[in-house]
C-alpha atoms as a PDB file:
ATOM      1  CA  MET A   1      49.342 278.964 132.391  1.00  0.00           C
ATOM      2  CA  LYS A   2      51.162 279.826 129.153  1.00  0.00           C
ATOM      3  CA  LYS A   3      53.745 277.168 129.935  1.00  0.00           C
ATOM      4  CA  ILE A   4      51.060 274.500 130.326  1.00  0.00           C
ATOM      5  CA  LEU A   5      49.368 275.549 127.083  1.00  0.00           C
ATOM      6  CA  LYS A   6      52.703 275.461 125.253  1.00  0.00           C
ATOM      7  CA  TYR A   7      53.424 272.018 126.693  1.00  0.00           C
ATOM      8  CA  LEU A   8      49.991 270.713 125.653  1.00  0.00           C
ATOM      9  CA  LEU A   9      50.361 272.070 122.117  1.00  0.00           C
ATOM     10  CA  LEU A  10      53.813 270.514 121.821  1.00  0.00           C
ATOM     11  CA  LEU A  11      52.442 267.200 123.103  1.00  0.00           C
ATOM     12  CA  ALA A  12      49.545 267.348 120.608  1.00  0.00           C
ATOM     13  CA  LEU A  13      51.970 268.082 117.763  1.00  0.00           C
ATOM     14  CA  LEU A  14      54.182 265.192 118.810  1.00  0.00           C
ATOM     15  CA  ALA A  15      51.167 262.869 118.968  1.00  0.00           C
ATOM     16  CA  LEU A  16      50.100 264.002 115.483  1.00  0.00           C
ATOM     17  CA  VAL A  17      53.574 263.261 114.108  1.00  0.00           C
ATOM     18  CA  VAL A  18      53.794 259.853 115.810  1.00  0.00           C
ATOM     19  CA  ILE A  19      50.332 258.792 114.609  1.00  0.00           C
ATOM     20  CA  GLN A  20      51.470 259.330 110.999  1.00  0.00           C
ATOM     21  CA  PHE A  21      53.606 256.190 111.336  1.00  0.00           C
ATOM     22  CA  ILE A  22      50.638 254.039 112.367  1.00  0.00           C
ATOM     23  CA  ARG A  23      48.722 252.932 109.288  1.00  0.00           C
ATOM     24  CA  PRO A  24      45.384 251.153 109.105  1.00  0.00           C
ATOM     25  CA  GLU A  25      45.276 248.181 106.753  1.00  0.00           C
ATOM     26  CA  LYS A  26      44.364 249.048 103.157  1.00  0.00           C
ATOM     27  CA  ASN A  27      41.261 247.605 101.512  1.00  0.00           C
ATOM     28  CA  GLN A  28      42.686 246.734  98.098  1.00  0.00           C
ATOM     29  CA  GLU A  29      42.139 243.109  97.114  1.00  0.00           C
ATOM     30  CA  GLY A  30      41.520 243.996  93.495  1.00  0.00           C
ATOM     31  CA  TYR A  31      38.640 245.151  91.344  1.00  0.00           C
ATOM     32  CA  GLU A  32      37.898 241.581  90.205  1.00  0.00           C
ATOM     33  CA  THR A  33      36.289 240.975  93.620  1.00  0.00           C
ATOM     34  CA  VAL A  34      33.124 242.693  92.354  1.00  0.00           C
ATOM     35  CA  ALA A  35      32.911 240.548  89.200  1.00  0.00           C
ATOM     36  CA  ALA A  36      30.481 237.961  90.625  1.00  0.00           C
ATOM     37  CA  PHE A  37      28.178 240.729  91.826  1.00  0.00           C
ATOM     38  CA  GLU A  38      28.144 242.474  88.456  1.00  0.00           C
ATOM     39  CA  ALA A  39      27.805 239.226  86.499  1.00  0.00           C
ATOM     40  CA  GLU A  40      24.794 238.196  88.537  1.00  0.00           C
ATOM     41  CA  THR A  41      23.002 241.542  88.907  1.00  0.00           C
ATOM     42  CA  LYS A  42      23.842 242.743  85.376  1.00  0.00           C
ATOM     43  CA  PRO A  43      24.086 246.504  85.850  1.00  0.00           C
ATOM     44  CA  THR A  44      24.103 248.588  82.689  1.00  0.00           C
ATOM     45  CA  ALA A  45      27.384 250.325  81.873  1.00  0.00           C
ATOM     46  CA  GLU A  46      25.961 253.542  83.336  1.00  0.00           C
ATOM     47  CA  VAL A  47      24.855 251.860  86.577  1.00  0.00           C
ATOM     48  CA  ALA A  48      28.177 250.009  86.840  1.00  0.00           C
ATOM     49  CA  ALA A  49      29.954 253.363  86.567  1.00  0.00           C
ATOM     50  CA  ILE A  50      27.782 254.795  89.367  1.00  0.00           C
ATOM     51  CA  LEU A  51      28.469 251.764  91.559  1.00  0.00           C
ATOM     52  CA  LYS A  52      32.196 252.039  90.879  1.00  0.00           C
ATOM     53  CA  SER A  53      32.398 255.768  91.550  1.00  0.00           C
ATOM     54  CA  HIS A  54      30.007 255.999  94.523  1.00  0.00           C
ATOM     55  CA  CYS A  55      29.594 252.585  96.160  1.00  0.00           C
ATOM     56  CA  TYR A  56      32.496 250.182  95.795  1.00  0.00           C
ATOM     57  CA  ASP A  57      34.979 252.230  97.817  1.00  0.00           C
ATOM     58  CA  CYS A  58      33.051 251.421 101.010  1.00  0.00           C
ATOM     59  CA  HIS A  59      31.046 248.374  99.939  1.00  0.00           C
ATOM     60  CA  SER A  60      33.661 246.092  98.367  1.00  0.00           C
ATOM     61  CA  ASN A  61      37.142 244.744  99.033  1.00  0.00           C
ATOM     62  CA  HIS A  62      38.592 247.282  96.609  1.00  0.00           C
ATOM     63  CA  THR A  63      38.883 250.901  97.665  1.00  0.00           C
ATOM     64  CA  ILE A  64      40.421 253.645  95.577  1.00  0.00           C
ATOM     65  CA  TYR A  65      41.853 255.919  98.220  1.00  0.00           C
ATOM     66  CA  PRO A  66      41.913 259.721  97.966  1.00  0.00           C
ATOM     67  CA  TRP A  67      45.108 261.623  98.764  1.00  0.00           C
ATOM     68  CA  TYR A  68      44.005 262.485 102.306  1.00  0.00           C
ATOM     69  CA  ALA A  69      43.792 258.774 103.207  1.00  0.00           C
ATOM     70  CA  GLU A  70      47.537 258.944 103.838  1.00  0.00           C
ATOM     71  CA  ILE A  71      47.169 261.497 106.622  1.00  0.00           C
ATOM     72  CA  ALA A  72      46.146 260.466 110.132  1.00  0.00           C
ATOM     73  CA  PRO A  73      43.612 260.833 111.651  1.00  0.00           C
ATOM     74  CA  ALA A  74      41.724 260.892 108.314  1.00  0.00           C
ATOM     75  CA  SER A  75      43.197 257.478 107.471  1.00  0.00           C
ATOM     76  CA  PHE A  76      41.607 255.974 110.581  1.00  0.00           C
ATOM     77  CA  TRP A  77      38.292 257.689 109.925  1.00  0.00           C
ATOM     78  CA  LEU A  78      38.209 256.288 106.365  1.00  0.00           C
ATOM     79  CA  ALA A  79      39.205 252.804 107.538  1.00  0.00           C
ATOM     80  CA  ASP A  80      36.332 252.876 110.025  1.00  0.00           C
ATOM     81  CA  HIS A  81      33.856 254.007 107.345  1.00  0.00           C
ATOM     82  CA  ILE A  82      35.000 251.246 104.997  1.00  0.00           C
ATOM     83  CA  GLU A  83      34.821 248.585 107.690  1.00  0.00           C
ATOM     84  CA  ASP A  84      31.316 249.706 108.657  1.00  0.00           C
ATOM     85  CA  GLY A  85      30.174 249.871 105.032  1.00  0.00           C
ATOM     86  CA  LYS A  86      31.444 246.358 104.310  1.00  0.00           C
ATOM     87  CA  LYS A  87      29.767 245.077 107.461  1.00  0.00           C
ATOM     88  CA  HIS A  88      26.386 246.197 106.123  1.00  0.00           C
ATOM     89  CA  PHE A  89      26.885 245.279 102.460  1.00  0.00           C
ATOM     90  CA  ASN A  90      29.976 243.919 100.731  1.00  0.00           C
ATOM     91  CA  VAL A  91      29.612 243.193  97.010  1.00  0.00           C
ATOM     92  CA  SER A  92      32.897 241.258  97.128  1.00  0.00           C
ATOM     93  CA  ASP A  93      31.161 238.668  99.321  1.00  0.00           C
ATOM     94  CA  TRP A  94      28.152 238.441  96.986  1.00  0.00           C
ATOM     95  CA  GLY A  95      28.901 234.850  95.975  1.00  0.00           C
ATOM     96  CA  SER A  96      28.655 233.671  99.581  1.00  0.00           C
ATOM     97  CA  TYR A  97      25.236 235.277 100.198  1.00  0.00           C
ATOM     98  CA  SER A  98      22.089 233.154 100.142  1.00  0.00           C
ATOM     99  CA  VAL A  99      19.314 234.016  97.669  1.00  0.00           C
ATOM    100  CA  LYS A 100      17.316 235.461 100.557  1.00  0.00           C
ATOM    101  CA  LYS A 101      20.243 237.620 101.703  1.00  0.00           C
ATOM    102  CA  LYS A 102      20.911 238.849  98.149  1.00  0.00           C
ATOM    103  CA  ASP A 103      17.277 239.905  97.811  1.00  0.00           C
ATOM    104  CA  HIS A 104      17.398 241.598 101.196  1.00  0.00           C
ATOM    105  CA  LYS A 105      20.651 243.470 100.424  1.00  0.00           C
ATOM    106  CA  LEU A 106      19.221 244.801  97.155  1.00  0.00           C
ATOM    107  CA  GLU A 107      16.062 245.798  99.005  1.00  0.00           C
ATOM    108  CA  GLU A 108      18.189 247.691 101.551  1.00  0.00           C
ATOM    109  CA  LEU A 109      20.191 249.304  98.736  1.00  0.00           C
ATOM    110  CA  PHE A 110      16.931 250.459  97.145  1.00  0.00           C
ATOM    111  CA  GLU A 111      15.611 251.884 100.420  1.00  0.00           C
ATOM    112  CA  GLU A 112      18.857 253.635 101.362  1.00  0.00           C
ATOM    113  CA  VAL A 113      19.246 255.272  97.957  1.00  0.00           C
ATOM    114  CA  GLU A 114      15.555 256.164  97.695  1.00  0.00           C
ATOM    115  CA  GLU A 115      15.579 257.805 101.133  1.00  0.00           C
ATOM    116  CA  GLY A 116      18.809 259.685 100.364  1.00  0.00           C
ATOM    117  CA  GLU A 117      20.699 257.873 103.123  1.00  0.00           C
ATOM    118  CA  MET A 118      23.288 256.581 100.649  1.00  0.00           C
ATOM    119  CA  PRO A 119      25.800 257.747  99.810  1.00  0.00           C
ATOM    120  CA  LEU A 120      26.539 259.162 103.253  1.00  0.00           C
ATOM    121  CA  ASP A 121      26.741 262.923 103.668  1.00  0.00           C
ATOM    122  CA  SER A 122      30.339 262.575 104.842  1.00  0.00           C
ATOM    123  CA  TYR A 123      31.129 260.928 101.485  1.00  0.00           C
ATOM    124  CA  THR A 124      29.228 263.409  99.326  1.00  0.00           C
ATOM    125  CA  TRP A 125      30.855 266.452 100.949  1.00  0.00           C
ATOM    126  CA  ILE A 126      34.096 265.514  99.247  1.00  0.00           C
ATOM    127  CA  HIS A 127      33.121 263.230  96.363  1.00  0.00           C
ATOM    128  CA  GLY A 128      29.801 264.736  95.332  1.00  0.00           C
ATOM    129  CA  ASP A 129      26.322 263.310  95.525  1.00  0.00           C
ATOM    130  CA  ILE A 130      24.546 261.196  92.967  1.00  0.00           C
ATOM    131  CA  THR A 131      22.194 263.099  90.688  1.00  0.00           C
ATOM    132  CA  LYS A 132      18.455 262.470  90.591  1.00  0.00           C
ATOM    133  CA  GLU A 133      18.949 260.730  87.229  1.00  0.00           C
ATOM    134  CA  GLN A 134      21.669 258.471  88.669  1.00  0.00           C
ATOM    135  CA  GLN A 135      19.438 257.737  91.653  1.00  0.00           C
ATOM    136  CA  LYS A 136      16.595 256.793  89.308  1.00  0.00           C
ATOM    137  CA  LEU A 137      18.881 254.487  87.299  1.00  0.00           C
ATOM    138  CA  LEU A 138      20.146 252.778  90.464  1.00  0.00           C
ATOM    139  CA  LEU A 139      16.613 252.264  91.771  1.00  0.00           C
ATOM    140  CA  GLN A 140      15.393 250.807  88.472  1.00  0.00           C
ATOM    141  CA  TRP A 141      18.385 248.477  88.299  1.00  0.00           C
ATOM    142  CA  ALA A 142      17.955 247.319  91.925  1.00  0.00           C
ATOM    143  CA  GLN A 143      14.278 246.520  91.343  1.00  0.00           C
ATOM    144  CA  LEU A 144      15.082 244.616  88.180  1.00  0.00           C
ATOM    145  CA  ALA A 145      17.970 242.724  89.802  1.00  0.00           C
ATOM    146  CA  ARG A 146      15.750 241.712  92.715  1.00  0.00           C
ATOM    147  CA  LEU A 147      13.298 239.951  90.398  1.00  0.00           C
ATOM    148  CA  GLN A 148      15.588 236.945  89.968  1.00  0.00           C
ATOM    149  CA  TYR A 149      15.983 236.535  93.727  1.00  0.00           C
ATOM    150  CA  LYS A 150      12.271 236.962  94.403  1.00  0.00           C
ATOM    151  CA  ALA A 151      11.587 234.247  91.840  1.00  0.00           C
ATOM    152  CA  GLY A 152      14.139 232.002  93.529  1.00  0.00           C
ATOM    153  CA  LEU A 153      12.517 232.592  96.907  1.00  0.00           C
ATOM    154  CA  GLU A 154       9.069 231.758  95.530  1.00  0.00           C
ATOM    155  CA  VAL A 155      10.344 228.497  94.012  1.00  0.00           C
ATOM    156  CA  SER A 156      12.046 227.486  97.275  1.00  0.00           C
ATOM    157  CA  GLY A 157       8.998 228.466  99.326  1.00  0.00           C
ATOM    158  CA  ASN A 158      10.719 231.092 101.501  1.00  0.00           C
END
C-alpha cells in the first residue's frame, strides 16, 4: 500500500512539473484596445481607475497578470476566467457592438455590480473588493452612459 501511495505521489509530482511547460495563451493585446470604450462611455478618471483595476483584466484584451499566473494549474484557471469574462463582456470589442448590444451590456454591468455579483468572489479574495463608494460611482456612470444608447434606440425605433 505504501509503495502504491509513493508511486502515486511521484506521478502527481511529475505531472505538476510537466504541466509547468504548457502555457495558456496570454491576453495582452495592449491597453489601447479599451480606448474606444472609454471614449464613447466617458468614465470619469475615478471610474476609469476602477474599471482598470477591477474589470479590464477579465473583460478586455489586455490583462495585467499577477505573479501566480506563471504557475500551473493557476495559469489555466486564470485563462479560463478571462475567456469566460470576455465571452460575456469584452470592452475591447466595444466598437463592433450594435447600439442595442451596448445598452444591454451596460445594463448587465449595472445589474451585476448592483447585486454584488461582480467582481467575482474568486477575484476579490486576492485583489480586494470594490468599496460601496466605488460601486456607487460605477452605477452612476453606467446609468449615465446608457442614456446615449437609449436615445439611439428610441430614434431607431427599437
